[in-house]
Amino acid sequence: MIVIGDKDTVNAFGIIGVKGHIYKKGMDIKNIDSDFFIVCEKIADEIREDLEFLEEQGKIVIEIPDKSGSIRKEDPIASLIKKSIGIEIR
């Protein structure tokens, strides 16, 4: 499991033992050795093509809000659960 995000997000996950990379513009995430990626939503929007490539390779990508809150109208975790098992969480 790898977190890709801003400094605060990466540090917060680091406290619980999850390794991460502070995102810098132009960063190549395709070569990061992991099967599970947690990515801040704002960064995910910038690297959408790379994330789609990872998903095509069978990697799992989860988008999460950063400390500013979600930029999405729909909860990304609830959306993933609905997509995975067909149950809507409110």
PDB file of N, CA and C in Angstrom:
ATOM      1  N   MET A   1       0.848  -1.167   0.000  1.00  0.00           N
ATOM      2  CA  MET A   1       0.000   0.000   0.000  1.00  0.00           C
ATOM      3  C   MET A   1       0.895   1.232   0.000  1.00  0.00           C
ATOM      4  N   ILE A   2       0.585   2.157  -0.894  1.00  0.00           N
ATOM      5  CA  ILE A   2       1.343   3.400  -1.026  1.00  0.00           C
ATOM      6  C   ILE A   2       0.370   4.577  -1.060  1.00  0.00           C
ATOM      7  N   VAL A   3       0.712   5.641  -0.355  1.00  0.00           N
ATOM      8  CA  VAL A   3      -0.069   6.875  -0.388  1.00  0.00           C
ATOM      9  C   VAL A   3       0.677   7.881  -1.251  1.00  0.00           C
ATOM     10  N   ILE A   4      -0.064   8.533  -2.148  1.00  0.00           N
ATOM     11  CA  ILE A   4       0.499   9.610  -2.946  1.00  0.00           C
ATOM     12  C   ILE A   4      -0.342  10.838  -2.648  1.00  0.00           C
ATOM     13  N   GLY A   5       0.309  11.844  -2.080  1.00  0.00           N
ATOM     14  CA  GLY A   5      -0.462  13.016  -1.684  1.00  0.00           C
ATOM     15  C   GLY A   5       0.414  14.175  -1.280  1.00  0.00           C
ATOM     16  N   ASP A   6      -0.229  15.119  -0.627  1.00  0.00           N
ATOM     17  CA  ASP A   6       0.498  16.275  -0.101  1.00  0.00           C
ATOM     18  C   ASP A   6       1.255  15.845   1.158  1.00  0.00           C
ATOM     19  N   LYS A   7       2.111  16.711   1.647  1.00  0.00           N
ATOM     20  CA  LYS A   7       2.962  16.406   2.800  1.00  0.00           C
ATOM     21  C   LYS A   7       2.150  15.969   4.019  1.00  0.00           C
ATOM     22  N   ASP A   8       1.068  16.677   4.320  1.00  0.00           N
ATOM     23  CA  ASP A   8       0.274  16.355   5.508  1.00  0.00           C
ATOM     24  C   ASP A   8      -0.381  14.981   5.403  1.00  0.00           C
ATOM     25  N   THR A   9      -0.911  14.661   4.233  1.00  0.00           N
ATOM     26  CA  THR A   9      -1.566  13.355   4.044  1.00  0.00           C
ATOM     27  C   THR A   9      -0.552  12.226   4.156  1.00  0.00           C
ATOM     28  N   VAL A  10       0.584  12.378   3.500  1.00  0.00           N
ATOM     29  CA  VAL A  10       1.619  11.344   3.544  1.00  0.00           C
ATOM     30  C   VAL A  10       2.116  11.163   4.975  1.00  0.00           C
ATOM     31  N   ASN A  11       2.318  12.252   5.697  1.00  0.00           N
ATOM     32  CA  ASN A  11       2.772  12.156   7.088  1.00  0.00           C
ATOM     33  C   ASN A  11       1.726  11.492   7.980  1.00  0.00           C
ATOM     34  N   ALA A  12       0.447  11.812   7.774  1.00  0.00           N
ATOM     35  CA  ALA A  12      -0.621  11.215   8.582  1.00  0.00           C
ATOM     36  C   ALA A  12      -0.663   9.700   8.378  1.00  0.00           C
ATOM     37  N   PHE A  13      -0.574   9.245   7.145  1.00  0.00           N
ATOM     38  CA  PHE A  13      -0.559   7.804   6.895  1.00  0.00           C
ATOM     39  C   PHE A  13       0.730   7.166   7.410  1.00  0.00           C
ATOM     40  N   GLY A  14       1.817   7.931   7.377  1.00  0.00           N
ATOM     41  CA  GLY A  14       3.086   7.421   7.880  1.00  0.00           C
ATOM     42  C   GLY A  14       3.029   7.084   9.357  1.00  0.00           C
ATOM     43  N   ILE A  15       2.224   7.817  10.110  1.00  0.00           N
ATOM     44  CA  ILE A  15       2.076   7.560  11.543  1.00  0.00           C
ATOM     45  C   ILE A  15       1.540   6.147  11.793  1.00  0.00           C
ATOM     46  N   ILE A  16       0.695   5.662  10.901  1.00  0.00           N
ATOM     47  CA  ILE A  16       0.144   4.311  11.087  1.00  0.00           C
ATOM     48  C   ILE A  16       0.909   3.263  10.265  1.00  0.00           C
ATOM     49  N   GLY A  17       2.068   3.669   9.741  1.00  0.00           N
ATOM     50  CA  GLY A  17       2.949   2.713   9.092  1.00  0.00           C
ATOM     51  C   GLY A  17       2.767   2.530   7.592  1.00  0.00           C
ATOM     52  N   VAL A  18       1.991   3.397   6.965  1.00  0.00           N
ATOM     53  CA  VAL A  18       1.791   3.290   5.519  1.00  0.00           C
ATOM     54  C   VAL A  18       2.808   4.187   4.824  1.00  0.00           C
ATOM     55  N   LYS A  19       3.580   3.600   3.919  1.00  0.00           N
ATOM     56  CA  LYS A  19       4.580   4.365   3.180  1.00  0.00           C
ATOM     57  C   LYS A  19       3.914   5.256   2.149  1.00  0.00           C
ATOM     58  N   GLY A  20       4.572   6.362   1.837  1.00  0.00           N
ATOM     59  CA  GLY A  20       3.985   7.278   0.874  1.00  0.00           C
ATOM     60  C   GLY A  20       5.008   8.108   0.145  1.00  0.00           C
ATOM     61  N   HIS A  21       4.503   8.812  -0.852  1.00  0.00           N
ATOM     62  CA  HIS A  21       5.318   9.719  -1.653  1.00  0.00           C
ATOM     63  C   HIS A  21       4.612  11.069  -1.705  1.00  0.00           C
ATOM     64  N   ILE A  22       5.333  12.119  -1.362  1.00  0.00           N
ATOM     65  CA  ILE A  22       4.798  13.460  -1.507  1.00  0.00           C
ATOM     66  C   ILE A  22       4.834  13.788  -2.989  1.00  0.00           C
ATOM     67  N   TYR A  23       3.670  14.113  -3.548  1.00  0.00           N
ATOM     68  CA  TYR A  23       3.570  14.326  -4.992  1.00  0.00           C
ATOM     69  C   TYR A  23       4.242  15.618  -5.420  1.00  0.00           C
ATOM     70  N   LYS A  24       5.029  15.482  -6.480  1.00  0.00           N
ATOM     71  CA  LYS A  24       5.641  16.636  -7.129  1.00  0.00           C
ATOM     72  C   LYS A  24       5.238  16.578  -8.590  1.00  0.00           C
ATOM     73  N   LYS A  25       4.901  17.704  -9.175  1.00  0.00           N
ATOM     74  CA  LYS A  25       4.452  17.773 -10.572  1.00  0.00           C
ATOM     75  C   LYS A  25       5.439  17.029 -11.475  1.00  0.00           C
ATOM     76  N   GLY A  26       4.904  16.190 -12.338  1.00  0.00           N
ATOM     77  CA  GLY A  26       5.724  15.425 -13.270  1.00  0.00           C
ATOM     78  C   GLY A  26       6.218  14.102 -12.711  1.00  0.00           C
ATOM     79  N   MET A  27       5.872  13.796 -11.487  1.00  0.00           N
ATOM     80  CA  MET A  27       6.296  12.552 -10.849  1.00  0.00           C
ATOM     81  C   MET A  27       5.756  11.350 -11.613  1.00  0.00           C
ATOM     82  N   ASP A  28       6.605  10.344 -11.829  1.00  0.00           N
ATOM     83  CA  ASP A  28       6.197   9.134 -12.533  1.00  0.00           C
ATOM     84  C   ASP A  28       5.759   8.088 -11.512  1.00  0.00           C
ATOM     85  N   ILE A  29       4.463   7.858 -11.422  1.00  0.00           N
ATOM     86  CA  ILE A  29       3.966   6.885 -10.441  1.00  0.00           C
ATOM     87  C   ILE A  29       3.820   5.489 -11.033  1.00  0.00           C
ATOM     88  N   LYS A  30       3.969   5.363 -12.340  1.00  0.00           N
ATOM     89  CA  LYS A  30       3.785   4.057 -12.993  1.00  0.00           C
ATOM     90  C   LYS A  30       4.808   3.032 -12.535  1.00  0.00           C
ATOM     91  N   ASN A  31       5.963   3.484 -12.092  1.00  0.00           N
ATOM     92  CA  ASN A  31       7.035   2.563 -11.704  1.00  0.00           C
ATOM     93  C   ASN A  31       7.113   2.312 -10.201  1.00  0.00           C
ATOM     94  N   ILE A  32       6.157   2.820  -9.452  1.00  0.00           N
ATOM     95  CA  ILE A  32       6.132   2.568  -8.008  1.00  0.00           C
ATOM     96  C   ILE A  32       5.640   1.141  -7.789  1.00  0.00           C
ATOM     97  N   ASP A  33       6.382   0.380  -7.014  1.00  0.00           N
ATOM     98  CA  ASP A  33       6.078  -1.033  -6.787  1.00  0.00           C
ATOM     99  C   ASP A  33       5.033  -1.196  -5.679  1.00  0.00           C
ATOM    100  N   SER A  34       3.785  -1.272  -6.075  1.00  0.00           N
ATOM    101  CA  SER A  34       2.681  -1.502  -5.142  1.00  0.00           C
ATOM    102  C   SER A  34       1.471  -1.971  -5.924  1.00  0.00           C
ATOM    103  N   ASP A  35       0.595  -2.678  -5.261  1.00  0.00           N
ATOM    104  CA  ASP A  35      -0.652  -3.113  -5.889  1.00  0.00           C
ATOM    105  C   ASP A  35      -1.833  -2.285  -5.428  1.00  0.00           C
ATOM    106  N   PHE A  36      -1.627  -1.431  -4.431  1.00  0.00           N
ATOM    107  CA  PHE A  36      -2.714  -0.658  -3.828  1.00  0.00           C
ATOM    108  C   PHE A  36      -2.246   0.776  -3.629  1.00  0.00           C
ATOM    109  N   PHE A  37      -2.938   1.727  -4.257  1.00  0.00           N
ATOM    110  CA  PHE A  37      -2.565   3.124  -4.193  1.00  0.00           C
ATOM    111  C   PHE A  37      -3.692   3.938  -3.570  1.00  0.00           C
ATOM    112  N   ILE A  38      -3.336   4.802  -2.630  1.00  0.00           N
ATOM    113  CA  ILE A  38      -4.264   5.774  -2.064  1.00  0.00           C
ATOM    114  C   ILE A  38      -3.766   7.131  -2.545  1.00  0.00           C
ATOM    115  N   VAL A  39      -4.635   7.861  -3.247  1.00  0.00           N
ATOM    116  CA  VAL A  39      -4.220   9.111  -3.886  1.00  0.00           C
ATOM    117  C   VAL A  39      -5.200  10.222  -3.515  1.00  0.00           C
ATOM    118  N   CYS A  40      -4.672  11.375  -3.149  1.00  0.00           N
ATOM    119  CA  CYS A  40      -5.524  12.538  -2.885  1.00  0.00           C
ATOM    120  C   CYS A  40      -6.269  12.923  -4.163  1.00  0.00           C
ATOM    121  N   GLU A  41      -7.532  13.302  -4.008  1.00  0.00           N
ATOM    122  CA  GLU A  41      -8.396  13.614  -5.156  1.00  0.00           C
ATOM    123  C   GLU A  41      -7.799  14.670  -6.086  1.00  0.00           C
ATOM    124  N   LYS A  42      -7.288  15.739  -5.527  1.00  0.00           N
ATOM    125  CA  LYS A  42      -6.750  16.820  -6.364  1.00  0.00           C
ATOM    126  C   LYS A  42      -5.569  16.337  -7.195  1.00  0.00           C
ATOM    127  N   ILE A  43      -4.744  15.521  -6.605  1.00  0.00           N
ATOM    128  CA  ILE A  43      -3.604  14.967  -7.329  1.00  0.00           C
ATOM    129  C   ILE A  43      -4.093  13.954  -8.361  1.00  0.00           C
ATOM    130  N   ALA A  44      -5.092  13.170  -7.987  1.00  0.00           N
ATOM    131  CA  ALA A  44      -5.645  12.179  -8.917  1.00  0.00           C
ATOM    132  C   ALA A  44      -6.143  12.848 -10.190  1.00  0.00           C
ATOM    133  N   ASP A  45      -6.731  14.026 -10.060  1.00  0.00           N
ATOM    134  CA  ASP A  45      -7.197  14.750 -11.239  1.00  0.00           C
ATOM    135  C   ASP A  45      -6.037  15.135 -12.157  1.00  0.00           C
ATOM    136  N   GLU A  46      -4.876  15.427 -11.574  1.00  0.00           N
ATOM    137  CA  GLU A  46      -3.701  15.813 -12.355  1.00  0.00           C
ATOM    138  C   GLU A  46      -3.052  14.615 -13.057  1.00  0.00           C
ATOM    139  N   ILE A  47      -3.163  13.434 -12.459  1.00  0.00           N
ATOM    140  CA  ILE A  47      -2.462  12.259 -12.994  1.00  0.00           C
ATOM    141  C   ILE A  47      -3.445  11.169 -13.422  1.00  0.00           C
ATOM    142  N   ARG A  48      -4.596  11.576 -13.878  1.00  0.00           N
ATOM    143  CA  ARG A  48      -5.675  10.645 -14.245  1.00  0.00           C
ATOM    144  C   ARG A  48      -5.201   9.553 -15.210  1.00  0.00           C
ATOM    145  N   GLU A  49      -4.441   9.909 -16.247  1.00  0.00           N
ATOM    146  CA  GLU A  49      -3.984   8.915 -17.221  1.00  0.00           C
ATOM    147  C   GLU A  49      -3.096   7.862 -16.569  1.00  0.00           C
ATOM    148  N   ASP A  50      -2.210   8.291 -15.677  1.00  0.00           N
ATOM    149  CA  ASP A  50      -1.343   7.333 -14.977  1.00  0.00           C
ATOM    150  C   ASP A  50      -2.157   6.389 -14.097  1.00  0.00           C
ATOM    151  N   LEU A  51      -3.174   6.922 -13.429  1.00  0.00           N
ATOM    152  CA  LEU A  51      -4.013   6.088 -12.569  1.00  0.00           C
ATOM    153  C   LEU A  51      -4.807   5.077 -13.394  1.00  0.00           C
ATOM    154  N   GLU A  52      -5.299   5.499 -14.540  1.00  0.00           N
ATOM    155  CA  GLU A  52      -6.018   4.577 -15.420  1.00  0.00           C
ATOM    156  C   GLU A  52      -5.088   3.470 -15.907  1.00  0.00           C
ATOM    157  N   PHE A  53      -3.825   3.820 -16.203  1.00  0.00           N
ATOM    158  CA  PHE A  53      -2.840   2.817 -16.589  1.00  0.00           C
ATOM    159  C   PHE A  53      -2.646   1.798 -15.474  1.00  0.00           C
ATOM    160  N   LEU A  54      -2.504   2.279 -14.234  1.00  0.00           N
ATOM    161  CA  LEU A  54      -2.319   1.365 -13.098  1.00  0.00           C
ATOM    162  C   LEU A  54      -3.516   0.439 -12.942  1.00  0.00           C
ATOM    163  N   GLU A  55      -4.721   0.981 -13.085  1.00  0.00           N
ATOM    164  CA  GLU A  55      -5.925   0.158 -12.964  1.00  0.00           C
ATOM    165  C   GLU A  55      -5.985  -0.887 -14.070  1.00  0.00           C
ATOM    166  N   GLU A  56      -5.553  -0.541 -15.268  1.00  0.00           N
ATOM    167  CA  GLU A  56      -5.508  -1.512 -16.363  1.00  0.00           C
ATOM    168  C   GLU A  56      -4.519  -2.637 -16.065  1.00  0.00           C
ATOM    169  N   GLN A  57      -3.513  -2.345 -15.253  1.00  0.00           N
ATOM    170  CA  GLN A  57      -2.523  -3.348 -14.858  1.00  0.00           C
ATOM    171  C   GLN A  57      -2.994  -4.188 -13.661  1.00  0.00           C
ATOM    172  N   GLY A  58      -4.225  -3.951 -13.219  1.00  0.00           N
ATOM    173  CA  GLY A  58      -4.784  -4.712 -12.105  1.00  0.00           C
ATOM    174  C   GLY A  58      -4.526  -4.110 -10.739  1.00  0.00           C
ATOM    175  N   LYS A  59      -3.991  -2.906 -10.698  1.00  0.00           N
ATOM    176  CA  LYS A  59      -3.724  -2.238  -9.422  1.00  0.00           C
ATOM    177  C   LYS A  59      -5.024  -1.614  -8.898  1.00  0.00           C
ATOM    178  N   ILE A  60      -5.118  -1.468  -7.596  1.00  0.00           N
ATOM    179  CA  ILE A  60      -6.275  -0.838  -6.974  1.00  0.00           C
ATOM    180  C   ILE A  60      -5.914   0.600  -6.633  1.00  0.00           C
ATOM    181  N   VAL A  61      -6.770   1.531  -7.051  1.00  0.00           N
ATOM    182  CA  VAL A  61      -6.547   2.952  -6.799  1.00  0.00           C
ATOM    183  C   VAL A  61      -7.755   3.505  -6.054  1.00  0.00           C
ATOM    184  N   ILE A  62      -7.503   4.081  -4.895  1.00  0.00           N
ATOM    185  CA  ILE A  62      -8.543   4.710  -4.084  1.00  0.00           C
ATOM    186  C   ILE A  62      -8.226   6.194  -3.987  1.00  0.00           C
ATOM    187  N   GLU A  63      -9.216   7.018  -4.284  1.00  0.00           N
ATOM    188  CA  GLU A  63      -9.046   8.463  -4.157  1.00  0.00           C
ATOM    189  C   GLU A  63      -9.668   8.923  -2.846  1.00  0.00           C
ATOM    190  N   ILE A  64      -8.923   9.753  -2.133  1.00  0.00           N
ATOM    191  CA  ILE A  64      -9.400  10.266  -0.852  1.00  0.00           C
ATOM    192  C   ILE A  64      -9.299  11.793  -0.835  1.00  0.00           C
ATOM    193  N   PRO A  65     -10.104  12.444  -0.010  1.00  0.00           N
ATOM    194  CA  PRO A  65      -9.973  13.903   0.136  1.00  0.00           C
ATOM    195  C   PRO A  65      -8.678  14.238   0.880  1.00  0.00           C
ATOM    196  N   ASP A  66      -8.169  15.426   0.652  1.00  0.00           N
ATOM    197  CA  ASP A  66      -7.044  15.887   1.453  1.00  0.00           C
ATOM    198  C   ASP A  66      -7.589  16.649   2.660  1.00  0.00           C
ATOM    199  N   LYS A  67      -6.739  17.362   3.371  1.00  0.00           N
ATOM    200  CA  LYS A  67      -7.185  18.047   4.590  1.00  0.00           C
ATOM    201  C   LYS A  67      -8.196  19.157   4.317  1.00  0.00           C
ATOM    202  N   SER A  68      -8.305  19.597   3.057  1.00  0.00           N
ATOM    203  CA  SER A  68      -9.267  20.638   2.696  1.00  0.00           C
ATOM    204  C   SER A  68     -10.678  20.090   2.504  1.00  0.00           C
ATOM    205  N   GLY A  69     -10.803  18.785   2.413  1.00  0.00           N
ATOM    206  CA  GLY A  69     -12.110  18.178   2.193  1.00  0.00           C
ATOM    207  C   GLY A  69     -12.259  17.697   0.761  1.00  0.00           C
ATOM    208  N   SER A  70     -13.353  17.045   0.512  1.00  0.00           N
ATOM    209  CA  SER A  70     -13.599  16.451  -0.793  1.00  0.00           C
ATOM    210  C   SER A  70     -13.941  17.489  -1.853  1.00  0.00           C
ATOM    211  N   ILE A  71     -13.473  17.240  -3.065  1.00  0.00           N
ATOM    212  CA  ILE A  71     -13.845  18.078  -4.199  1.00  0.00           C
ATOM    213  C   ILE A  71     -14.906  17.372  -5.046  1.00  0.00           C
ATOM    214  N   ARG A  72     -15.316  16.207  -4.633  1.00  0.00           N
ATOM    215  CA  ARG A  72     -16.301  15.406  -5.349  1.00  0.00           C
ATOM    216  C   ARG A  72     -17.669  15.561  -4.696  1.00  0.00           C
ATOM    217  N   LYS A  73     -18.700  15.401  -5.484  1.00  0.00           N
ATOM    218  CA  LYS A  73     -20.060  15.423  -4.947  1.00  0.00           C
ATOM    219  C   LYS A  73     -20.406  14.097  -4.296  1.00  0.00           C
ATOM    220  N   GLU A  74     -19.806  13.018  -4.816  1.00  0.00           N
ATOM    221  CA  GLU A  74     -20.095  11.681  -4.319  1.00  0.00           C
ATOM    222  C   GLU A  74     -18.941  11.186  -3.456  1.00  0.00           C
ATOM    223  N   ASP A  75     -19.250  10.477  -2.388  1.00  0.00           N
ATOM    224  CA  ASP A  75     -18.238   9.900  -1.512  1.00  0.00           C
ATOM    225  C   ASP A  75     -17.479   8.810  -2.269  1.00  0.00           C
ATOM    226  N   PRO A  76     -16.147   8.942  -2.414  1.00  0.00           N
ATOM    227  CA  PRO A  76     -15.392   7.964  -3.200  1.00  0.00           C
ATOM    228  C   PRO A  76     -15.402   6.553  -2.603  1.00  0.00           C
ATOM    229  N   ILE A  77     -15.420   6.446  -1.295  1.00  0.00           N
ATOM    230  CA  ILE A  77     -15.434   5.129  -0.665  1.00  0.00           C
ATOM    231  C   ILE A  77     -16.789   4.464  -0.876  1.00  0.00           C
ATOM    232  N   ALA A  78     -17.880   5.202  -0.682  1.00  0.00           N
ATOM    233  CA  ALA A  78     -19.223   4.660  -0.909  1.00  0.00           C
ATOM    234  C   ALA A  78     -19.385   4.249  -2.367  1.00  0.00           C
ATOM    235  N   SER A  79     -18.828   5.033  -3.261  1.00  0.00           N
ATOM    236  CA  SER A  79     -18.898   4.711  -4.682  1.00  0.00           C
ATOM    237  C   SER A  79     -18.151   3.418  -4.989  1.00  0.00           C
ATOM    238  N   LEU A  80     -16.988   3.233  -4.379  1.00  0.00           N
ATOM    239  CA  LEU A  80     -16.212   2.008  -4.578  1.00  0.00           C
ATOM    240  C   LEU A  80     -16.962   0.787  -4.052  1.00  0.00           C
ATOM    241  N   ILE A  81     -17.590   0.923  -2.893  1.00  0.00           N
ATOM    242  CA  ILE A  81     -18.350  -0.190  -2.314  1.00  0.00           C
ATOM    243  C   ILE A  81     -19.517  -0.550  -3.228  1.00  0.00           C
ATOM    244  N   LYS A  82     -20.211   0.461  -3.719  1.00  0.00           N
ATOM    245  CA  LYS A  82     -21.337   0.204  -4.615  1.00  0.00           C
ATOM    246  C   LYS A  82     -20.863  -0.476  -5.892  1.00  0.00           C
ATOM    247  N   LYS A  83     -19.753  -0.010  -6.447  1.00  0.00           N
ATOM    248  CA  LYS A  83     -19.205  -0.585  -7.669  1.00  0.00           C
ATOM    249  C   LYS A  83     -18.728  -2.024  -7.436  1.00  0.00           C
ATOM    250  N   SER A  84     -18.139  -2.289  -6.273  1.00  0.00           N
ATOM    251  CA  SER A  84     -17.580  -3.603  -5.979  1.00  0.00           C
ATOM    252  C   SER A  84     -18.617  -4.655  -5.631  1.00  0.00           C
ATOM    253  N   ILE A  85     -19.548  -4.309  -4.725  1.00  0.00           N
ATOM    254  CA  ILE A  85     -20.476  -5.323  -4.240  1.00  0.00           C
ATOM    255  C   ILE A  85     -21.939  -4.997  -4.496  1.00  0.00           C
ATOM    256  N   GLY A  86     -22.197  -3.834  -5.085  1.00  0.00           N
ATOM    257  CA  GLY A  86     -23.567  -3.494  -5.462  1.00  0.00           C
ATOM    258  C   GLY A  86     -24.456  -2.981  -4.362  1.00  0.00           C
ATOM    259  N   ILE A  87     -23.878  -2.622  -3.234  1.00  0.00           N
ATOM    260  CA  ILE A  87     -24.672  -2.113  -2.124  1.00  0.00           C
ATOM    261  C   ILE A  87     -24.371  -0.631  -1.940  1.00  0.00           C
ATOM    262  N   GLU A  88     -25.429   0.169  -1.856  1.00  0.00           N
ATOM    263  CA  GLU A  88     -25.254   1.606  -1.686  1.00  0.00           C
ATOM    264  C   GLU A  88     -25.187   1.943  -0.203  1.00  0.00           C
ATOM    265  N   ILE A  89     -24.148   2.681   0.176  1.00  0.00           N
ATOM    266  CA  ILE A  89     -23.944   3.103   1.557  1.00  0.00           C
ATOM    267  C   ILE A  89     -24.287   4.592   1.643  1.00  0.00           C
ATOM    268  N   ARG A  90     -25.032   4.970   2.640  1.00  0.00           N
ATOM    269  CA  ARG A  90     -25.385   6.401   2.796  1.00  0.00           C
ATOM    270  C   ARG A  90     -24.794   6.949   4.047  1.00  0.00           C
TER     271      ARG A  90
END
